[in-house]
């Protein structure tokens, strides 16, 4: 039976989803990140599908979300980027908690996420070689391109955005997967993006995939196109994600 346990890792609230019989046993670990203005509870269906594959799944509430929610900045995307930065800062806190308790089987660690969580995943790949496999679901691996798009949109809608916004979020340069695609380093990486995505353009992830084709580091990168699909994850896709992690973390 799959059980859900609430934990507080310092100031990070998480849900641990795991088959009851494996609660104190070594299993592969998957940390899965929710999207913008969502929360950990809304990713539970995905977590249960992963846990049914004998994987321990950790769902964190990102900063500014869920039980950590507060008013967002009126400056377009400012809270969005600070939230991703928080995910990056807290990743090792979560990973180390389970590593220190010897609960990760054979060092197998998966990372994935939807939308903002997918962008978090791509950023983590640039800095964490210990990640075994990853999924970027309807999230852009081109952080700078997406940030530029938001700035242009704000300007077009006559919304205030600081003139030095790029400098204020300059950390993005070091975490933009399109700047360092070689950090994929042959690891299994699955993309999914809908062609009619109204929030994050399909072309941002598809163009990245096309650009890295034929490179040795990208031999295990796959891309699934959701034809006519919008910014939404359906159960059949959740099954594909669960099967992906089961195969590469077994």
C-alpha atoms as a PDB file:
ATOM      1  CA  UNK A   1       0.000   0.000   0.000  1.00  0.00           C
ATOM      2  CA  UNK A   2       1.308   3.431  -0.943  1.00  0.00           C
ATOM      3  CA  UNK A   3       1.642   5.783   2.011  1.00  0.00           C
ATOM      4  CA  UNK A   4       2.089   9.549   2.166  1.00  0.00           C
ATOM      5  CA  UNK A   5       4.242  10.973   4.952  1.00  0.00           C
ATOM      6  CA  UNK A   6       4.586  14.670   5.763  1.00  0.00           C
ATOM      7  CA  UNK A   7       8.052  15.863   6.651  1.00  0.00           C
ATOM      8  CA  UNK A   8       9.650  19.191   7.463  1.00  0.00           C
ATOM      9  CA  UNK A   9      13.272  19.339   6.293  1.00  0.00           C
ATOM     10  CA  UNK A  10      14.406  22.514   8.040  1.00  0.00           C
ATOM     11  CA  UNK A  11      12.066  25.056   6.444  1.00  0.00           C
ATOM     12  CA  UNK A  12      11.097  22.879   3.467  1.00  0.00           C
ATOM     13  CA  UNK A  13       7.761  21.040   3.788  1.00  0.00           C
ATOM     14  CA  UNK A  14       7.706  17.848   1.717  1.00  0.00           C
ATOM     15  CA  UNK A  15       5.494  14.858   1.070  1.00  0.00           C
ATOM     16  CA  UNK A  16       7.251  11.495   0.984  1.00  0.00           C
ATOM     17  CA  UNK A  17       5.292   9.003  -1.110  1.00  0.00           C
ATOM     18  CA  UNK A  18       6.413   5.389  -0.917  1.00  0.00           C
ATOM     19  CA  UNK A  19       5.133   1.832  -0.693  1.00  0.00           C
ATOM     20  CA  UNK A  20       4.666   1.109   3.015  1.00  0.00           C
ATOM     21  CA  UNK A  21       6.964  -1.917   2.891  1.00  0.00           C
ATOM     22  CA  UNK A  22       9.840   0.258   1.629  1.00  0.00           C
ATOM     23  CA  UNK A  23       9.492   3.100   4.131  1.00  0.00           C
ATOM     24  CA  UNK A  24      12.737   2.145   5.904  1.00  0.00           C
ATOM     25  CA  UNK A  25      14.396   0.321   2.994  1.00  0.00           C
ATOM     26  CA  UNK A  26      16.643   1.482   0.189  1.00  0.00           C
ATOM     27  CA  UNK A  27      14.803   2.504  -2.973  1.00  0.00           C
ATOM     28  CA  UNK A  28      15.566   4.745  -5.947  1.00  0.00           C
ATOM     29  CA  UNK A  29      14.734   8.359  -5.094  1.00  0.00           C
ATOM     30  CA  UNK A  30      12.819  10.832  -7.268  1.00  0.00           C
ATOM     31  CA  UNK A  31      12.442  14.481  -6.293  1.00  0.00           C
ATOM     32  CA  UNK A  32       9.563  15.938  -8.301  1.00  0.00           C
ATOM     33  CA  UNK A  33       8.820  19.669  -8.504  1.00  0.00           C
ATOM     34  CA  UNK A  34       5.409  21.304  -9.000  1.00  0.00           C
ATOM     35  CA  UNK A  35       4.674  24.235 -11.287  1.00  0.00           C
ATOM     36  CA  UNK A  36       4.093  27.947 -10.786  1.00  0.00           C
ATOM     37  CA  UNK A  37       1.177  28.790  -8.458  1.00  0.00           C
ATOM     38  CA  UNK A  38       0.717  25.098  -7.744  1.00  0.00           C
ATOM     39  CA  UNK A  39       1.775  23.015  -4.739  1.00  0.00           C
ATOM     40  CA  UNK A  40       3.055  19.595  -3.711  1.00  0.00           C
ATOM     41  CA  UNK A  41      -0.434  18.137  -3.164  1.00  0.00           C
ATOM     42  CA  UNK A  42      -1.328  18.779  -6.801  1.00  0.00           C
ATOM     43  CA  UNK A  43       1.450  16.451  -7.959  1.00  0.00           C
ATOM     44  CA  UNK A  44       0.278  13.518  -5.841  1.00  0.00           C
ATOM     45  CA  UNK A  45      -1.230  11.565  -8.748  1.00  0.00           C
ATOM     46  CA  UNK A  46       2.150  11.580 -10.473  1.00  0.00           C
ATOM     47  CA  UNK A  47       3.850  10.638  -7.205  1.00  0.00           C
ATOM     48  CA  UNK A  48       1.557   7.661  -6.647  1.00  0.00           C
ATOM     49  CA  UNK A  49       2.282   6.367 -10.154  1.00  0.00           C
ATOM     50  CA  UNK A  50       6.008   6.638  -9.447  1.00  0.00           C
ATOM     51  CA  UNK A  51       5.706   5.033  -6.020  1.00  0.00           C
ATOM     52  CA  UNK A  52       3.900   2.076  -7.580  1.00  0.00           C
ATOM     53  CA  UNK A  53       7.219   1.364  -9.354  1.00  0.00           C
ATOM     54  CA  UNK A  54       8.923   0.921  -5.949  1.00  0.00           C
ATOM     55  CA  UNK A  55      10.392   4.413  -6.046  1.00  0.00           C
ATOM     56  CA  UNK A  56      10.492   6.806  -3.085  1.00  0.00           C
ATOM     57  CA  UNK A  57       9.071  10.126  -4.268  1.00  0.00           C
ATOM     58  CA  UNK A  58       9.679  13.470  -2.597  1.00  0.00           C
ATOM     59  CA  UNK A  59       7.368  16.399  -3.360  1.00  0.00           C
ATOM     60  CA  UNK A  60       8.612  19.717  -1.958  1.00  0.00           C
ATOM     61  CA  UNK A  61       6.608  22.899  -1.619  1.00  0.00           C
ATOM     62  CA  UNK A  62       8.668  25.511  -3.435  1.00  0.00           C
ATOM     63  CA  UNK A  63       9.280  28.865  -1.797  1.00  0.00           C
ATOM     64  CA  UNK A  64       6.236  31.154  -2.204  1.00  0.00           C
ATOM     65  CA  UNK A  65       3.964  28.141  -2.770  1.00  0.00           C
ATOM     66  CA  UNK A  66       1.727  25.767  -0.823  1.00  0.00           C
ATOM     67  CA  UNK A  67       2.245  26.137   2.906  1.00  0.00           C
ATOM     68  CA  UNK A  68       4.953  28.720   2.139  1.00  0.00           C
ATOM     69  CA  UNK A  69       2.711  30.951   0.031  1.00  0.00           C
ATOM     70  CA  UNK A  70       2.667  34.741   0.235  1.00  0.00           C
ATOM     71  CA  UNK A  71       1.873  37.643  -2.058  1.00  0.00           C
ATOM     72  CA  UNK A  72       3.916  37.640  -5.254  1.00  0.00           C
ATOM     73  CA  UNK A  73       5.851  40.662  -6.489  1.00  0.00           C
ATOM     74  CA  UNK A  74       4.085  42.914  -8.983  1.00  0.00           C
ATOM     75  CA  UNK A  75       7.304  42.902 -11.023  1.00  0.00           C
ATOM     76  CA  UNK A  76       6.720  40.301 -13.768  1.00  0.00           C
ATOM     77  CA  UNK A  77       8.562  37.014 -13.115  1.00  0.00           C
ATOM     78  CA  UNK A  78      10.585  38.338 -10.159  1.00  0.00           C
ATOM     79  CA  UNK A  79       8.950  35.925  -7.695  1.00  0.00           C
ATOM     80  CA  UNK A  80       9.044  33.195 -10.352  1.00  0.00           C
ATOM     81  CA  UNK A  81      12.832  33.353 -10.647  1.00  0.00           C
ATOM     82  CA  UNK A  82      13.389  33.644  -6.902  1.00  0.00           C
ATOM     83  CA  UNK A  83      11.237  30.523  -6.491  1.00  0.00           C
ATOM     84  CA  UNK A  84      13.360  28.524  -8.934  1.00  0.00           C
ATOM     85  CA  UNK A  85      16.486  29.802  -7.195  1.00  0.00           C
ATOM     86  CA  UNK A  86      15.043  28.532  -3.913  1.00  0.00           C
ATOM     87  CA  UNK A  87      14.442  25.090  -5.428  1.00  0.00           C
ATOM     88  CA  UNK A  88      18.066  24.984  -6.550  1.00  0.00           C
ATOM     89  CA  UNK A  89      19.344  26.012  -3.123  1.00  0.00           C
ATOM     90  CA  UNK A  90      17.204  23.410  -1.335  1.00  0.00           C
ATOM     91  CA  UNK A  91      17.850  20.429  -3.628  1.00  0.00           C
ATOM     92  CA  UNK A  92      20.903  19.146  -1.743  1.00  0.00           C
ATOM     93  CA  UNK A  93      19.141  19.609   1.600  1.00  0.00           C
ATOM     94  CA  UNK A  94      16.465  17.162   0.460  1.00  0.00           C
ATOM     95  CA  UNK A  95      18.863  14.757  -1.236  1.00  0.00           C
ATOM     96  CA  UNK A  96      21.248  14.697   1.717  1.00  0.00           C
ATOM     97  CA  UNK A  97      18.458  13.880   4.161  1.00  0.00           C
ATOM     98  CA  UNK A  98      17.818  10.556   2.419  1.00  0.00           C
ATOM     99  CA  UNK A  99      21.463   9.963   1.534  1.00  0.00           C
ATOM    100  CA  UNK A 100      22.567  10.382   5.138  1.00  0.00           C
ATOM    101  CA  UNK A 101      19.986   7.807   6.220  1.00  0.00           C
ATOM    102  CA  UNK A 102      21.193   5.321   3.609  1.00  0.00           C
ATOM    103  CA  UNK A 103      17.783   5.163   1.936  1.00  0.00           C
ATOM    104  CA  UNK A 104      18.873   5.650  -1.699  1.00  0.00           C
ATOM    105  CA  UNK A 105      19.395   2.374  -3.561  1.00  0.00           C
ATOM    106  CA  UNK A 106      22.627   2.245  -5.575  1.00  0.00           C
ATOM    107  CA  UNK A 107      22.807   6.048  -5.625  1.00  0.00           C
ATOM    108  CA  UNK A 108      19.920   6.217  -8.115  1.00  0.00           C
ATOM    109  CA  UNK A 109      18.445   9.727  -8.011  1.00  0.00           C
ATOM    110  CA  UNK A 110      15.819  11.026 -10.415  1.00  0.00           C
ATOM    111  CA  UNK A 111      14.616  14.603 -10.755  1.00  0.00           C
ATOM    112  CA  UNK A 112      11.603  15.875 -12.643  1.00  0.00           C
ATOM    113  CA  UNK A 113       8.940  18.491 -12.712  1.00  0.00           C
ATOM    114  CA  UNK A 114       6.108  20.233 -14.498  1.00  0.00           C
ATOM    115  CA  UNK A 115       6.466  23.717 -16.003  1.00  0.00           C
ATOM    116  CA  UNK A 116       8.470  25.743 -13.435  1.00  0.00           C
ATOM    117  CA  UNK A 117       9.464  22.378 -11.960  1.00  0.00           C
ATOM    118  CA  UNK A 118      10.752  21.298 -15.366  1.00  0.00           C
ATOM    119  CA  UNK A 119      12.829  24.467 -15.602  1.00  0.00           C
ATOM    120  CA  UNK A 120      14.175  23.706 -12.115  1.00  0.00           C
ATOM    121  CA  UNK A 121      15.141  20.233 -13.358  1.00  0.00           C
ATOM    122  CA  UNK A 122      17.093  21.541 -16.328  1.00  0.00           C
ATOM    123  CA  UNK A 123      18.925  23.998 -14.088  1.00  0.00           C
ATOM    124  CA  UNK A 124      19.838  21.257 -11.601  1.00  0.00           C
ATOM    125  CA  UNK A 125      21.359  19.142 -14.361  1.00  0.00           C
ATOM    126  CA  UNK A 126      23.992  21.825 -14.958  1.00  0.00           C
ATOM    127  CA  UNK A 127      25.355  21.527 -11.405  1.00  0.00           C
ATOM    128  CA  UNK A 128      24.552  18.048 -10.077  1.00  0.00           C
ATOM    129  CA  UNK A 129      26.282  15.106 -11.786  1.00  0.00           C
ATOM    130  CA  UNK A 130      24.857  12.804  -9.100  1.00  0.00           C
ATOM    131  CA  UNK A 131      21.434  13.004 -10.796  1.00  0.00           C
ATOM    132  CA  UNK A 132      20.884   9.719 -12.650  1.00  0.00           C
ATOM    133  CA  UNK A 133      17.894  10.575 -14.870  1.00  0.00           C
ATOM    134  CA  UNK A 134      15.544  13.509 -15.364  1.00  0.00           C
ATOM    135  CA  UNK A 135      12.299  14.660 -16.967  1.00  0.00           C
ATOM    136  CA  UNK A 136      11.519  18.190 -18.156  1.00  0.00           C
ATOM    137  CA  UNK A 137       7.773  18.385 -18.688  1.00  0.00           C
ATOM    138  CA  UNK A 138       6.434  21.507 -20.481  1.00  0.00           C
ATOM    139  CA  UNK A 139       9.348  23.543 -19.131  1.00  0.00           C
ATOM    140  CA  UNK A 140      11.979  25.481 -21.051  1.00  0.00           C
ATOM    141  CA  UNK A 141      15.647  24.422 -20.785  1.00  0.00           C
ATOM    142  CA  UNK A 142      16.499  27.859 -22.223  1.00  0.00           C
ATOM    143  CA  UNK A 143      16.142  29.985 -19.101  1.00  0.00           C
ATOM    144  CA  UNK A 144      17.627  33.153 -20.577  1.00  0.00           C
ATOM    145  CA  UNK A 145      15.427  32.947 -23.659  1.00  0.00           C
ATOM    146  CA  UNK A 146      12.343  32.545 -21.497  1.00  0.00           C
ATOM    147  CA  UNK A 147      13.418  35.412 -19.225  1.00  0.00           C
ATOM    148  CA  UNK A 148      13.892  37.629 -22.292  1.00  0.00           C
ATOM    149  CA  UNK A 149      10.431  36.665 -23.531  1.00  0.00           C
ATOM    150  CA  UNK A 150       8.895  37.715 -20.203  1.00  0.00           C
ATOM    151  CA  UNK A 151      10.739  41.045 -20.261  1.00  0.00           C
ATOM    152  CA  UNK A 152       9.559  41.735 -23.798  1.00  0.00           C
ATOM    153  CA  UNK A 153       5.978  40.829 -22.893  1.00  0.00           C
ATOM    154  CA  UNK A 154       6.067  43.130 -19.853  1.00  0.00           C
ATOM    155  CA  UNK A 155       7.310  45.987 -22.007  1.00  0.00           C
ATOM    156  CA  UNK A 156       4.631  45.352 -24.635  1.00  0.00           C
ATOM    157  CA  UNK A 157       1.940  45.476 -21.943  1.00  0.00           C
ATOM    158  CA  UNK A 158       3.449  48.611 -20.387  1.00  0.00           C
ATOM    159  CA  UNK A 159       4.215  46.860 -17.095  1.00  0.00           C
ATOM    160  CA  UNK A 160       7.019  48.070 -14.888  1.00  0.00           C
ATOM    161  CA  UNK A 161      10.130  45.929 -14.995  1.00  0.00           C
ATOM    162  CA  UNK A 162      13.569  47.080 -13.764  1.00  0.00           C
ATOM    163  CA  UNK A 163      15.984  48.111 -16.478  1.00  0.00           C
ATOM    164  CA  UNK A 164      18.616  45.944 -14.823  1.00  0.00           C
ATOM    165  CA  UNK A 165      16.352  42.898 -14.462  1.00  0.00           C
ATOM    166  CA  UNK A 166      18.854  40.760 -16.381  1.00  0.00           C
ATOM    167  CA  UNK A 167      21.597  41.683 -13.899  1.00  0.00           C
ATOM    168  CA  UNK A 168      19.276  41.115 -10.942  1.00  0.00           C
ATOM    169  CA  UNK A 169      18.757  37.556 -12.163  1.00  0.00           C
ATOM    170  CA  UNK A 170      22.292  37.027 -13.485  1.00  0.00           C
ATOM    171  CA  UNK A 171      22.551  33.693 -11.647  1.00  0.00           C
ATOM    172  CA  UNK A 172      20.440  32.276 -14.465  1.00  0.00           C
ATOM    173  CA  UNK A 173      23.499  32.271 -16.751  1.00  0.00           C
ATOM    174  CA  UNK A 174      25.195  29.545 -14.692  1.00  0.00           C
ATOM    175  CA  UNK A 175      22.063  27.363 -14.579  1.00  0.00           C
ATOM    176  CA  UNK A 176      20.840  27.713 -18.163  1.00  0.00           C
ATOM    177  CA  UNK A 177      21.059  24.222 -19.662  1.00  0.00           C
ATOM    178  CA  UNK A 178      21.326  25.668 -23.161  1.00  0.00           C
ATOM    179  CA  UNK A 179      24.583  27.363 -22.073  1.00  0.00           C
ATOM    180  CA  UNK A 180      26.012  24.075 -20.817  1.00  0.00           C
ATOM    181  CA  UNK A 181      24.297  21.245 -22.726  1.00  0.00           C
ATOM    182  CA  UNK A 182      27.382  19.067 -22.285  1.00  0.00           C
ATOM    183  CA  UNK A 183      26.465  18.741 -18.583  1.00  0.00           C
ATOM    184  CA  UNK A 184      23.739  16.307 -19.655  1.00  0.00           C
ATOM    185  CA  UNK A 185      26.733  13.977 -19.923  1.00  0.00           C
ATOM    186  CA  UNK A 186      24.921  11.040 -21.467  1.00  0.00           C
ATOM    187  CA  UNK A 187      22.255  10.879 -18.776  1.00  0.00           C
ATOM    188  CA  UNK A 188      18.700   9.805 -19.654  1.00  0.00           C
ATOM    189  CA  UNK A 189      16.584  12.931 -20.097  1.00  0.00           C
ATOM    190  CA  UNK A 190      12.957  13.009 -21.238  1.00  0.00           C
ATOM    191  CA  UNK A 191      11.223  16.100 -22.594  1.00  0.00           C
ATOM    192  CA  UNK A 192       7.495  16.503 -23.155  1.00  0.00           C
ATOM    193  CA  UNK A 193       5.899  19.666 -24.494  1.00  0.00           C
ATOM    194  CA  UNK A 194       2.552  20.462 -26.084  1.00  0.00           C
ATOM    195  CA  UNK A 195       2.487  22.271 -29.416  1.00  0.00           C
ATOM    196  CA  UNK A 196      -0.342  24.545 -28.242  1.00  0.00           C
ATOM    197  CA  UNK A 197       1.222  25.428 -24.868  1.00  0.00           C
ATOM    198  CA  UNK A 198      -0.088  28.900 -24.040  1.00  0.00           C
ATOM    199  CA  UNK A 199       2.365  29.596 -21.181  1.00  0.00           C
ATOM    200  CA  UNK A 200       5.785  28.274 -22.168  1.00  0.00           C
ATOM    201  CA  UNK A 201       6.378  28.114 -25.931  1.00  0.00           C
ATOM    202  CA  UNK A 202       6.800  24.609 -27.344  1.00  0.00           C
ATOM    203  CA  UNK A 203       9.654  25.815 -29.529  1.00  0.00           C
ATOM    204  CA  UNK A 204      11.832  26.662 -26.528  1.00  0.00           C
ATOM    205  CA  UNK A 205      12.285  23.006 -25.601  1.00  0.00           C
ATOM    206  CA  UNK A 206      11.974  21.545 -29.122  1.00  0.00           C
ATOM    207  CA  UNK A 207      14.666  23.828 -30.559  1.00  0.00           C
ATOM    208  CA  UNK A 208      17.021  22.837 -27.730  1.00  0.00           C
ATOM    209  CA  UNK A 209      16.421  19.168 -28.463  1.00  0.00           C
ATOM    210  CA  UNK A 210      17.059  19.712 -32.180  1.00  0.00           C
ATOM    211  CA  UNK A 211      20.272  21.643 -31.477  1.00  0.00           C
ATOM    212  CA  UNK A 212      21.845  18.866 -29.391  1.00  0.00           C
ATOM    213  CA  UNK A 213      21.006  16.002 -31.742  1.00  0.00           C
ATOM    214  CA  UNK A 214      24.041  13.952 -32.724  1.00  0.00           C
ATOM    215  CA  UNK A 215      26.131  15.065 -29.749  1.00  0.00           C
ATOM    216  CA  UNK A 216      27.634  12.223 -27.662  1.00  0.00           C
ATOM    217  CA  UNK A 217      26.333  13.758 -24.443  1.00  0.00           C
ATOM    218  CA  UNK A 218      22.766  13.703 -25.812  1.00  0.00           C
ATOM    219  CA  UNK A 219      22.513  10.052 -26.846  1.00  0.00           C
ATOM    220  CA  UNK A 220      19.884   9.322 -24.189  1.00  0.00           C
ATOM    221  CA  UNK A 221      17.796  12.463 -24.618  1.00  0.00           C
ATOM    222  CA  UNK A 222      14.260  11.874 -25.890  1.00  0.00           C
ATOM    223  CA  UNK A 223      11.493  14.290 -26.827  1.00  0.00           C
ATOM    224  CA  UNK A 224       7.752  13.601 -26.904  1.00  0.00           C
ATOM    225  CA  UNK A 225       5.566  16.124 -28.703  1.00  0.00           C
ATOM    226  CA  UNK A 226       2.037  16.591 -27.418  1.00  0.00           C
ATOM    227  CA  UNK A 227       0.226  17.434 -30.655  1.00  0.00           C
ATOM    228  CA  UNK A 228      -2.440  20.099 -30.079  1.00  0.00           C
ATOM    229  CA  UNK A 229      -1.757  19.758 -26.345  1.00  0.00           C
ATOM    230  CA  UNK A 230      -1.839  22.801 -24.070  1.00  0.00           C
ATOM    231  CA  UNK A 231      -0.181  23.491 -20.709  1.00  0.00           C
ATOM    232  CA  UNK A 232      -1.684  20.455 -19.030  1.00  0.00           C
ATOM    233  CA  UNK A 233      -0.536  16.975 -17.994  1.00  0.00           C
ATOM    234  CA  UNK A 234      -2.913  14.062 -18.612  1.00  0.00           C
ATOM    235  CA  UNK A 235      -2.752  10.629 -16.877  1.00  0.00           C
ATOM    236  CA  UNK A 236      -1.260   8.775 -19.906  1.00  0.00           C
ATOM    237  CA  UNK A 237       1.711  11.149 -19.791  1.00  0.00           C
ATOM    238  CA  UNK A 238       2.069  10.549 -16.047  1.00  0.00           C
ATOM    239  CA  UNK A 239       2.329   6.842 -16.841  1.00  0.00           C
ATOM    240  CA  UNK A 240       5.087   7.510 -19.389  1.00  0.00           C
ATOM    241  CA  UNK A 241       7.018   9.514 -16.802  1.00  0.00           C
ATOM    242  CA  UNK A 242       6.661   6.730 -14.231  1.00  0.00           C
ATOM    243  CA  UNK A 243       7.786   4.103 -16.766  1.00  0.00           C
ATOM    244  CA  UNK A 244      10.777   6.263 -17.740  1.00  0.00           C
ATOM    245  CA  UNK A 245      12.033   6.494 -14.172  1.00  0.00           C
ATOM    246  CA  UNK A 246      11.333   2.851 -13.470  1.00  0.00           C
ATOM    247  CA  UNK A 247      13.456   1.830 -16.466  1.00  0.00           C
ATOM    248  CA  UNK A 248      16.420   4.089 -15.768  1.00  0.00           C
ATOM    249  CA  UNK A 249      16.476   3.859 -11.972  1.00  0.00           C
ATOM    250  CA  UNK A 250      15.987   0.110 -11.610  1.00  0.00           C
END
